[in-house]
Amino acid sequence: MTLEKVLEIAGELIDNDNIPKEGLTISYTLDKDIHRKLDEELFYKTNNSHSNFKHNKTIEVNLGGITFLFEIL
């Protein structure tokens, strides 16, 4: 799972008018290496280079009103 893939999934859901988005939460359980890579990718895309990365056990991202949760397997 990469940030690009998450954005692709979100785009497909947002563009599909047949899917109700209100209160929609999608949860993924990822192995620890993929989870960490996604966490780092999100961190460095949303923070300045002077911030220190701290790995989170749960990642929560809201895109277009859809909540994505990523947890460690």
Protein backbone atom coordinates (compact mmCIF):
# COMPACT_ATOMS: atom_id res chain seq x y z
CA MET A 1 0.00 0.00 0.00
CA THR A 2 1.38 3.36 -1.01
CA LEU A 3 0.06 6.89 -0.70
CA GLU A 4 -0.54 6.86 -4.46
CA LYS A 5 -2.73 3.75 -4.08
CA VAL A 6 -4.69 5.33 -1.20
CA LEU A 7 -5.34 8.41 -3.34
CA GLU A 8 -6.42 6.21 -6.24
CA ILE A 9 -8.90 4.31 -4.03
CA ALA A 10 -10.23 7.56 -2.57
CA GLY A 11 -10.67 9.01 -6.05
CA GLU A 12 -12.63 5.98 -7.22
CA LEU A 13 -14.92 6.17 -4.19
CA ILE A 14 -15.44 9.93 -4.45
CA ASP A 15 -16.24 9.71 -8.17
CA ASN A 16 -18.79 6.92 -7.68
CA ASP A 17 -22.15 8.53 -6.87
CA ASN A 18 -23.63 5.12 -5.96
CA ILE A 19 -21.47 4.90 -2.83
CA PRO A 20 -22.72 6.90 0.17
CA LYS A 21 -19.73 8.71 1.69
CA GLU A 22 -21.23 10.10 4.90
CA GLY A 23 -19.71 8.20 7.82
CA LEU A 24 -17.69 5.95 5.51
CA THR A 25 -14.59 4.52 7.15
CA ILE A 26 -12.26 2.09 5.41
CA SER A 27 -9.88 0.10 7.56
CA TYR A 28 -6.74 -1.68 6.40
CA THR A 29 -4.53 -3.97 8.44
CA LEU A 30 -1.00 -3.89 7.04
CA ASP A 31 2.17 -5.76 7.87
CA LYS A 32 4.57 -3.69 9.96
CA ASP A 33 7.01 -2.83 7.13
CA ILE A 34 4.34 -1.61 4.71
CA HIS A 35 2.61 0.26 7.56
CA ARG A 36 5.81 2.05 8.51
CA LYS A 37 6.60 2.99 4.89
CA LEU A 38 3.11 4.44 4.41
CA ASP A 39 3.38 6.32 7.71
CA GLU A 40 6.73 7.81 6.67
CA GLU A 41 5.46 8.72 3.21
CA LEU A 42 2.45 10.53 4.69
CA PHE A 43 4.62 12.25 7.29
CA TYR A 44 7.16 13.63 4.82
CA LYS A 45 4.44 14.72 2.35
CA THR A 46 2.63 16.71 5.07
CA ASN A 47 5.46 18.03 7.30
CA ASN A 48 8.52 20.14 6.74
CA SER A 49 11.95 18.54 6.56
CA HIS A 50 12.85 19.86 10.02
CA SER A 51 10.24 17.71 11.77
CA ASN A 52 11.23 14.39 13.33
CA PHE A 53 9.38 11.29 12.18
CA LYS A 54 7.70 9.25 14.92
CA HIS A 55 6.00 6.04 13.81
CA ASN A 56 2.30 5.79 14.75
CA LYS A 57 0.53 2.51 15.53
CA THR A 58 -2.62 3.79 13.87
CA ILE A 59 -2.70 6.08 10.85
CA GLU A 60 -5.91 8.01 10.17
CA VAL A 61 -6.39 9.99 6.97
CA ASN A 62 -9.52 11.82 5.80
CA LEU A 63 -9.85 12.25 2.04
CA GLY A 64 -12.99 13.70 0.53
CA GLY A 65 -15.00 12.92 3.66
CA ILE A 66 -13.86 9.29 3.71
CA THR A 67 -11.80 8.15 6.68
CA PHE A 68 -9.00 5.67 6.03
CA LEU A 69 -7.58 3.79 9.02
CA PHE A 70 -4.35 1.82 8.75
CA GLU A 71 -3.32 -0.49 11.56
CA ILE A 72 -0.47 -2.92 12.07
CA LEU A 73 -1.19 -6.60 11.51
